[in-house]
Amino acid sequence: MNLVYHFLHARNTQTLEPGTVLFREGDPVGPMYVVLEGSARVLVAGHVVEMAGPGTLLGEIALIDDLPRTATVVAIAPCRVLPIGRPEFDLLVREKPEFARHVMKVLVQRLRRMNELFSEMKAAQREAGEMFRSQHARKWRAPQVDDTIPM
């Protein structure tokens, strides 16, 4: 579903200047947004996890589960975004099933990306641990029975 085309003539858009924070991780629930123009960074725990451009959905997780925001979004270029509150979201889901499928697809793609990042992190930790153990195993050896202590 092409969200930019679908919402091309929306009237209640918001404009964000570069550096503007749309919402912060931990903020209470608010509307979700569709990026119509511009670009923004999506950060989790201070790390960039996604670059958002036209057509990107932002804030859908908090809107769906009624829990605080899971990420921080900061405009990096002038942006025009469309806020979609719960009543509009529910209406879109009822009237446009392809919108609901699109939101689910976005959620699944983000979950898969987070799974990949987690797997990469675990592999890097495992590799670092193995390197540490192998380096220290060469430098240190347990005392042997025939080792004598000079007196």
C-alpha atoms as a PDB file:
ATOM      1  CA  MET A   1       0.000   0.000   0.000  1.00  0.00           C
ATOM      2  CA  ASN A   2       1.437   3.381  -0.987  1.00  0.00           C
ATOM      3  CA  LEU A   3       0.741   5.490   2.100  1.00  0.00           C
ATOM      4  CA  VAL A   4       2.131   8.695   0.596  1.00  0.00           C
ATOM      5  CA  TYR A   5      -0.273   8.424  -2.320  1.00  0.00           C
ATOM      6  CA  HIS A   6      -3.169   7.367  -0.073  1.00  0.00           C
ATOM      7  CA  PHE A   7      -2.710  10.404   2.216  1.00  0.00           C
ATOM      8  CA  LEU A   8      -1.532  12.833  -0.480  1.00  0.00           C
ATOM      9  CA  HIS A   9      -4.319  15.340   0.173  1.00  0.00           C
ATOM     10  CA  ALA A  10      -4.517  14.995   3.962  1.00  0.00           C
ATOM     11  CA  ARG A  11      -5.130  18.343   5.632  1.00  0.00           C
ATOM     12  CA  ASN A  12      -4.035  17.863   9.229  1.00  0.00           C
ATOM     13  CA  THR A  13      -0.325  17.332   8.552  1.00  0.00           C
ATOM     14  CA  GLN A  14       2.469  18.600  10.773  1.00  0.00           C
ATOM     15  CA  THR A  15       5.765  20.081   9.669  1.00  0.00           C
ATOM     16  CA  LEU A  16       8.992  19.233  11.494  1.00  0.00           C
ATOM     17  CA  GLU A  17      12.252  21.110  11.186  1.00  0.00           C
ATOM     18  CA  PRO A  18      15.552  19.192  11.316  1.00  0.00           C
ATOM     19  CA  GLY A  19      16.386  18.322  14.914  1.00  0.00           C
ATOM     20  CA  THR A  20      12.760  18.283  16.024  1.00  0.00           C
ATOM     21  CA  VAL A  21      11.866  15.317  18.239  1.00  0.00           C
ATOM     22  CA  LEU A  22       8.528  13.841  17.159  1.00  0.00           C
ATOM     23  CA  PHE A  23       8.359  11.664  20.294  1.00  0.00           C
ATOM     24  CA  ARG A  24      10.755  10.090  22.779  1.00  0.00           C
ATOM     25  CA  GLU A  25      11.231   6.542  23.991  1.00  0.00           C
ATOM     26  CA  GLY A  26       9.099   6.174  27.118  1.00  0.00           C
ATOM     27  CA  ASP A  27       6.647   8.955  26.189  1.00  0.00           C
ATOM     28  CA  PRO A  28       2.990   8.137  26.781  1.00  0.00           C
ATOM     29  CA  VAL A  29       0.827   6.864  23.942  1.00  0.00           C
ATOM     30  CA  GLY A  30      -0.108   9.341  21.242  1.00  0.00           C
ATOM     31  CA  PRO A  31      -0.944   9.151  17.570  1.00  0.00           C
ATOM     32  CA  MET A  32       1.020   7.155  15.064  1.00  0.00           C
ATOM     33  CA  TYR A  33       2.437   9.055  12.100  1.00  0.00           C
ATOM     34  CA  VAL A  34       2.961   8.568   8.392  1.00  0.00           C
ATOM     35  CA  VAL A  35       6.007  10.335   6.972  1.00  0.00           C
ATOM     36  CA  LEU A  36       4.804  12.079   3.813  1.00  0.00           C
ATOM     37  CA  GLU A  37       7.982  14.052   3.077  1.00  0.00           C
ATOM     38  CA  GLY A  38      11.480  14.273   4.522  1.00  0.00           C
ATOM     39  CA  SER A  39      13.456  11.912   6.699  1.00  0.00           C
ATOM     40  CA  ALA A  40      13.978  11.079  10.354  1.00  0.00           C
ATOM     41  CA  ARG A  41      16.107   8.838  12.545  1.00  0.00           C
ATOM     42  CA  VAL A  42      14.497   6.174  14.714  1.00  0.00           C
ATOM     43  CA  LEU A  43      16.548   5.470  17.831  1.00  0.00           C
ATOM     44  CA  VAL A  44      16.226   2.791  20.506  1.00  0.00           C
ATOM     45  CA  ALA A  45      18.364   3.202  23.617  1.00  0.00           C
ATOM     46  CA  GLY A  46      20.250   5.953  21.763  1.00  0.00           C
ATOM     47  CA  HIS A  47      21.145   3.734  18.786  1.00  0.00           C
ATOM     48  CA  VAL A  48      19.841   4.358  15.272  1.00  0.00           C
ATOM     49  CA  VAL A  49      17.739   1.348  14.250  1.00  0.00           C
ATOM     50  CA  GLU A  50      16.010   2.790  11.213  1.00  0.00           C
ATOM     51  CA  MET A  51      16.001   5.719   8.825  1.00  0.00           C
ATOM     52  CA  ALA A  52      12.438   6.844   8.125  1.00  0.00           C
ATOM     53  CA  GLY A  53      11.499   8.342   4.787  1.00  0.00           C
ATOM     54  CA  PRO A  54       8.298   8.971   2.869  1.00  0.00           C
ATOM     55  CA  GLY A  55       5.751   6.225   3.513  1.00  0.00           C
ATOM     56  CA  THR A  56       7.250   5.113   6.821  1.00  0.00           C
ATOM     57  CA  LEU A  57       4.935   4.456   9.759  1.00  0.00           C
ATOM     58  CA  LEU A  58       6.077   5.768  13.132  1.00  0.00           C
ATOM     59  CA  GLY A  59       4.580   5.194  16.574  1.00  0.00           C
ATOM     60  CA  GLU A  60       2.265   2.364  15.586  1.00  0.00           C
ATOM     61  CA  ILE A  61       3.434   0.061  18.385  1.00  0.00           C
ATOM     62  CA  ALA A  62       2.347   2.385  21.202  1.00  0.00           C
ATOM     63  CA  LEU A  63      -0.929   3.144  19.433  1.00  0.00           C
ATOM     64  CA  ILE A  64      -1.701  -0.570  19.131  1.00  0.00           C
ATOM     65  CA  ASP A  65      -0.682  -1.774  22.611  1.00  0.00           C
ATOM     66  CA  ASP A  66      -1.398   1.372  24.689  1.00  0.00           C
ATOM     67  CA  LEU A  67       2.047   1.271  26.292  1.00  0.00           C
ATOM     68  CA  PRO A  68       4.770   3.954  26.256  1.00  0.00           C
ATOM     69  CA  ARG A  69       6.752   4.704  23.109  1.00  0.00           C
ATOM     70  CA  THR A  70       9.457   2.179  22.264  1.00  0.00           C
ATOM     71  CA  ALA A  71      11.691   4.551  20.284  1.00  0.00           C
ATOM     72  CA  THR A  72      12.705   8.161  19.789  1.00  0.00           C
ATOM     73  CA  VAL A  73      12.132   9.808  16.414  1.00  0.00           C
ATOM     74  CA  VAL A  74      14.136  12.866  15.360  1.00  0.00           C
ATOM     75  CA  ALA A  75      13.728  14.719  12.062  1.00  0.00           C
ATOM     76  CA  ILE A  76      16.996  14.987  10.123  1.00  0.00           C
ATOM     77  CA  ALA A  77      15.501  16.923   7.219  1.00  0.00           C
ATOM     78  CA  PRO A  78      12.371  19.043   6.936  1.00  0.00           C
ATOM     79  CA  CYS A  79       9.473  16.597   7.329  1.00  0.00           C
ATOM     80  CA  ARG A  80       5.771  16.585   6.775  1.00  0.00           C
ATOM     81  CA  VAL A  81       3.977  13.946   8.811  1.00  0.00           C
ATOM     82  CA  LEU A  82       0.364  12.918   9.189  1.00  0.00           C
ATOM     83  CA  PRO A  83      -0.790  12.057  12.720  1.00  0.00           C
ATOM     84  CA  ILE A  84      -3.275   9.191  12.932  1.00  0.00           C
ATOM     85  CA  GLY A  85      -5.057   8.865  16.275  1.00  0.00           C
ATOM     86  CA  ARG A  86      -6.908   5.818  17.546  1.00  0.00           C
ATOM     87  CA  PRO A  87     -10.318   6.764  16.040  1.00  0.00           C
ATOM     88  CA  GLU A  88      -8.764   7.356  12.593  1.00  0.00           C
ATOM     89  CA  PHE A  89      -6.681   4.189  12.908  1.00  0.00           C
ATOM     90  CA  ASP A  90      -9.749   2.087  13.780  1.00  0.00           C
ATOM     91  CA  LEU A  91     -11.674   3.611  10.866  1.00  0.00           C
ATOM     92  CA  LEU A  92      -8.823   2.918   8.439  1.00  0.00           C
ATOM     93  CA  VAL A  93      -8.547  -0.682   9.623  1.00  0.00           C
ATOM     94  CA  ARG A  94     -12.304  -1.205   9.147  1.00  0.00           C
ATOM     95  CA  GLU A  95     -12.590   0.546   5.794  1.00  0.00           C
ATOM     96  CA  LYS A  96      -9.236  -0.407   4.263  1.00  0.00           C
ATOM     97  CA  PRO A  97      -8.179  -3.954   5.195  1.00  0.00           C
ATOM     98  CA  GLU A  98      -5.034  -3.442   3.099  1.00  0.00           C
ATOM     99  CA  PHE A  99      -4.047  -0.694   5.565  1.00  0.00           C
ATOM    100  CA  ALA A 100      -4.269  -3.193   8.447  1.00  0.00           C
ATOM    101  CA  ARG A 101      -2.180  -5.698   6.460  1.00  0.00           C
ATOM    102  CA  HIS A 102       0.350  -2.961   5.706  1.00  0.00           C
ATOM    103  CA  VAL A 103       0.688  -2.092   9.412  1.00  0.00           C
ATOM    104  CA  MET A 104       1.129  -5.779  10.268  1.00  0.00           C
ATOM    105  CA  LYS A 105       3.756  -6.137   7.542  1.00  0.00           C
ATOM    106  CA  VAL A 106       5.676  -3.139   8.921  1.00  0.00           C
ATOM    107  CA  LEU A 107       5.557  -4.625  12.433  1.00  0.00           C
ATOM    108  CA  VAL A 108       6.761  -8.009  11.193  1.00  0.00           C
ATOM    109  CA  GLN A 109       9.613  -6.446   9.198  1.00  0.00           C
ATOM    110  CA  ARG A 110      10.751  -4.499  12.271  1.00  0.00           C
ATOM    111  CA  LEU A 111      10.532  -7.609  14.451  1.00  0.00           C
ATOM    112  CA  ARG A 112      12.607  -9.584  11.937  1.00  0.00           C
ATOM    113  CA  ARG A 113      15.207  -6.783  11.788  1.00  0.00           C
ATOM    114  CA  MET A 114      15.427  -6.706  15.601  1.00  0.00           C
ATOM    115  CA  ASN A 115      15.800 -10.515  15.647  1.00  0.00           C
ATOM    116  CA  GLU A 116      18.659 -10.218  13.146  1.00  0.00           C
ATOM    117  CA  LEU A 117      20.346  -7.502  15.206  1.00  0.00           C
ATOM    118  CA  PHE A 118      19.954  -9.576  18.356  1.00  0.00           C
ATOM    119  CA  SER A 119      21.421 -12.641  16.627  1.00  0.00           C
ATOM    120  CA  GLU A 120      24.354 -10.584  15.337  1.00  0.00           C
ATOM    121  CA  MET A 121      24.935  -9.180  18.819  1.00  0.00           C
ATOM    122  CA  LYS A 122      24.907 -12.645  20.389  1.00  0.00           C
ATOM    123  CA  ALA A 123      27.309 -13.956  17.729  1.00  0.00           C
ATOM    124  CA  ALA A 124      29.673 -11.020  18.321  1.00  0.00           C
ATOM    125  CA  GLN A 125      29.538 -11.598  22.096  1.00  0.00           C
ATOM    126  CA  ARG A 126      30.249 -15.309  21.625  1.00  0.00           C
ATOM    127  CA  GLU A 127      33.167 -14.524  19.291  1.00  0.00           C
ATOM    128  CA  ALA A 128      34.591 -11.923  21.686  1.00  0.00           C
ATOM    129  CA  GLY A 129      34.345 -14.398  24.572  1.00  0.00           C
ATOM    130  CA  GLU A 130      36.113 -17.091  22.583  1.00  0.00           C
ATOM    131  CA  MET A 131      38.897 -14.674  21.580  1.00  0.00           C
ATOM    132  CA  PHE A 132      39.309 -13.550  25.201  1.00  0.00           C
ATOM    133  CA  ARG A 133      39.498 -17.131  26.468  1.00  0.00           C
ATOM    134  CA  SER A 134      41.970 -18.213  23.778  1.00  0.00           C
ATOM    135  CA  GLN A 135      44.250 -15.208  24.361  1.00  0.00           C
ATOM    136  CA  HIS A 136      44.291 -15.695  28.123  1.00  0.00           C
ATOM    137  CA  ALA A 137      44.695 -19.469  27.873  1.00  0.00           C
ATOM    138  CA  ARG A 138      47.992 -18.925  26.037  1.00  0.00           C
ATOM    139  CA  LYS A 139      49.281 -16.377  28.563  1.00  0.00           C
ATOM    140  CA  TRP A 140      48.379 -18.278  31.681  1.00  0.00           C
ATOM    141  CA  ARG A 141      48.937 -21.887  32.523  1.00  0.00           C
ATOM    142  CA  ALA A 142      48.075 -23.671  35.694  1.00  0.00           C
ATOM    143  CA  PRO A 143      51.009 -24.512  37.966  1.00  0.00           C
ATOM    144  CA  GLN A 144      52.340 -28.014  37.377  1.00  0.00           C
ATOM    145  CA  VAL A 145      53.209 -30.559  40.047  1.00  0.00           C
ATOM    146  CA  ASP A 146      56.916 -30.383  39.217  1.00  0.00           C
ATOM    147  CA  ASP A 147      57.016 -26.569  39.390  1.00  0.00           C
ATOM    148  CA  THR A 148      59.219 -25.502  42.224  1.00  0.00           C
ATOM    149  CA  ILE A 149      58.958 -22.274  44.115  1.00  0.00           C
ATOM    150  CA  PRO A 150      62.354 -20.668  44.530  1.00  0.00           C
ATOM    151  CA  MET A 151      63.289 -19.900  48.111  1.00  0.00           C
END
